[in-house]
Amino acid sequence: MEIPAAQALKAGGRPLAFLKAKVFILSVPVDCSGVHANRGAIAYDDNGYDPDTVARATPQAILGLGGPSLAALSASGSKPGVPVLLCR
């Protein structure tokens, strides 16, 4: 499964395939057990964190998790900064 596929499946009206893609995306983020600087990043595939692909994969995954379609994407209301993953 590739991350960009989730966005296309959602936009194409394929809810079951989109759900399968979303489940995959939720299986590949770097969690609290990962290197501190990498936490929250989302791997491109199930091979895990790759510094060569993470800058592309993470934003694509955000849209694949249920964000707006690319046609409706807007920077309106956006704020600078990044969220912090809370680990215990």
Protein backbone atom coordinates (compact mmCIF):
# COMPACT_ATOMS: atom_id res chain seq x y z
CA MET A 1 0.00 0.00 0.00
CA GLU A 2 1.30 3.44 -0.85
CA ILE A 3 0.27 6.40 1.25
CA PRO A 4 -0.90 8.61 -1.67
CA ALA A 5 -3.39 5.90 -2.62
CA ALA A 6 -5.52 6.65 0.45
CA GLN A 7 -6.27 10.18 -0.71
CA ALA A 8 -7.18 8.95 -4.19
CA LEU A 9 -9.42 6.21 -2.80
CA LYS A 10 -11.28 8.68 -0.61
CA ALA A 11 -11.71 11.20 -3.42
CA GLY A 12 -12.80 8.39 -5.75
CA GLY A 13 -15.64 7.29 -3.48
CA ARG A 14 -14.15 3.95 -2.43
CA PRO A 15 -14.77 3.97 1.34
CA LEU A 16 -13.76 0.38 2.12
CA ALA A 17 -10.50 0.64 0.21
CA PHE A 18 -9.90 4.04 1.84
CA LEU A 19 -10.43 2.49 5.28
CA LYS A 20 -7.90 -0.25 4.49
CA ALA A 21 -5.38 2.39 3.41
CA LYS A 22 -6.07 4.43 6.56
CA VAL A 23 -5.45 1.38 8.76
CA PHE A 24 -2.12 0.89 6.97
CA ILE A 25 -1.12 4.53 7.51
CA LEU A 26 -1.91 4.22 11.21
CA SER A 27 0.42 1.21 11.37
CA VAL A 28 3.60 3.00 10.18
CA PRO A 29 4.16 6.15 12.27
CA VAL A 30 7.20 6.43 14.51
CA ASP A 31 5.77 6.15 18.00
CA CYS A 32 7.20 6.90 21.45
CA SER A 33 9.58 3.93 21.22
CA GLY A 34 11.36 5.53 18.25
CA VAL A 35 14.23 7.98 18.17
CA HIS A 36 13.04 11.20 19.83
CA ALA A 37 13.71 13.39 16.76
CA ASN A 38 11.72 11.01 14.51
CA ARG A 39 8.63 10.61 16.68
CA GLY A 40 5.41 11.42 14.87
CA ALA A 41 6.93 10.96 11.41
CA ILE A 42 5.07 8.56 9.16
CA ALA A 43 7.00 6.01 7.13
CA TYR A 44 6.28 5.71 3.41
CA ASP A 45 5.89 1.95 3.59
CA ASP A 46 6.19 -0.92 6.04
CA ASN A 47 10.00 -0.87 5.79
CA GLY A 48 9.98 1.76 8.53
CA TYR A 49 11.46 5.22 8.96
CA ASP A 50 13.60 6.34 6.01
CA PRO A 51 15.11 9.84 6.11
CA ASP A 52 14.99 9.93 2.29
CA THR A 53 11.20 9.56 2.12
CA VAL A 54 9.79 10.79 5.43
CA ALA A 55 9.53 14.46 4.39
CA ARG A 56 7.27 13.40 1.53
CA ALA A 57 5.43 10.56 3.26
CA THR A 58 4.32 12.38 6.41
CA PRO A 59 2.33 15.20 4.75
CA GLN A 60 0.85 12.76 2.23
CA ALA A 61 -0.24 10.54 5.10
CA ILE A 62 -1.99 13.39 6.88
CA LEU A 63 -4.26 13.81 3.86
CA GLY A 64 -4.68 10.04 3.69
CA LEU A 65 -5.94 9.96 7.26
CA GLY A 66 -9.04 11.87 6.28
CA GLY A 67 -8.00 15.38 5.46
CA PRO A 68 -9.60 17.31 2.63
CA SER A 69 -9.16 16.17 -0.95
CA LEU A 70 -6.34 17.81 -2.85
CA ALA A 71 -8.96 19.81 -4.73
CA ALA A 72 -10.26 21.32 -1.48
CA LEU A 73 -6.90 21.75 0.27
CA SER A 74 -6.22 25.26 1.52
CA ALA A 75 -3.72 27.03 3.76
CA SER A 76 -6.55 29.07 5.25
CA GLY A 77 -6.35 29.01 9.03
CA SER A 78 -2.97 27.29 9.10
CA LYS A 79 -0.43 28.14 11.78
CA PRO A 80 3.34 27.77 11.88
CA GLY A 81 4.88 25.13 14.10
CA VAL A 82 4.50 21.43 14.63
CA PRO A 83 2.55 19.46 17.18
CA VAL A 84 4.42 17.60 19.91
CA LEU A 85 3.85 13.88 20.36
CA LEU A 86 3.14 13.30 24.04
CA CYS A 87 5.02 10.27 25.33
CA ARG A 88 4.94 8.82 28.82
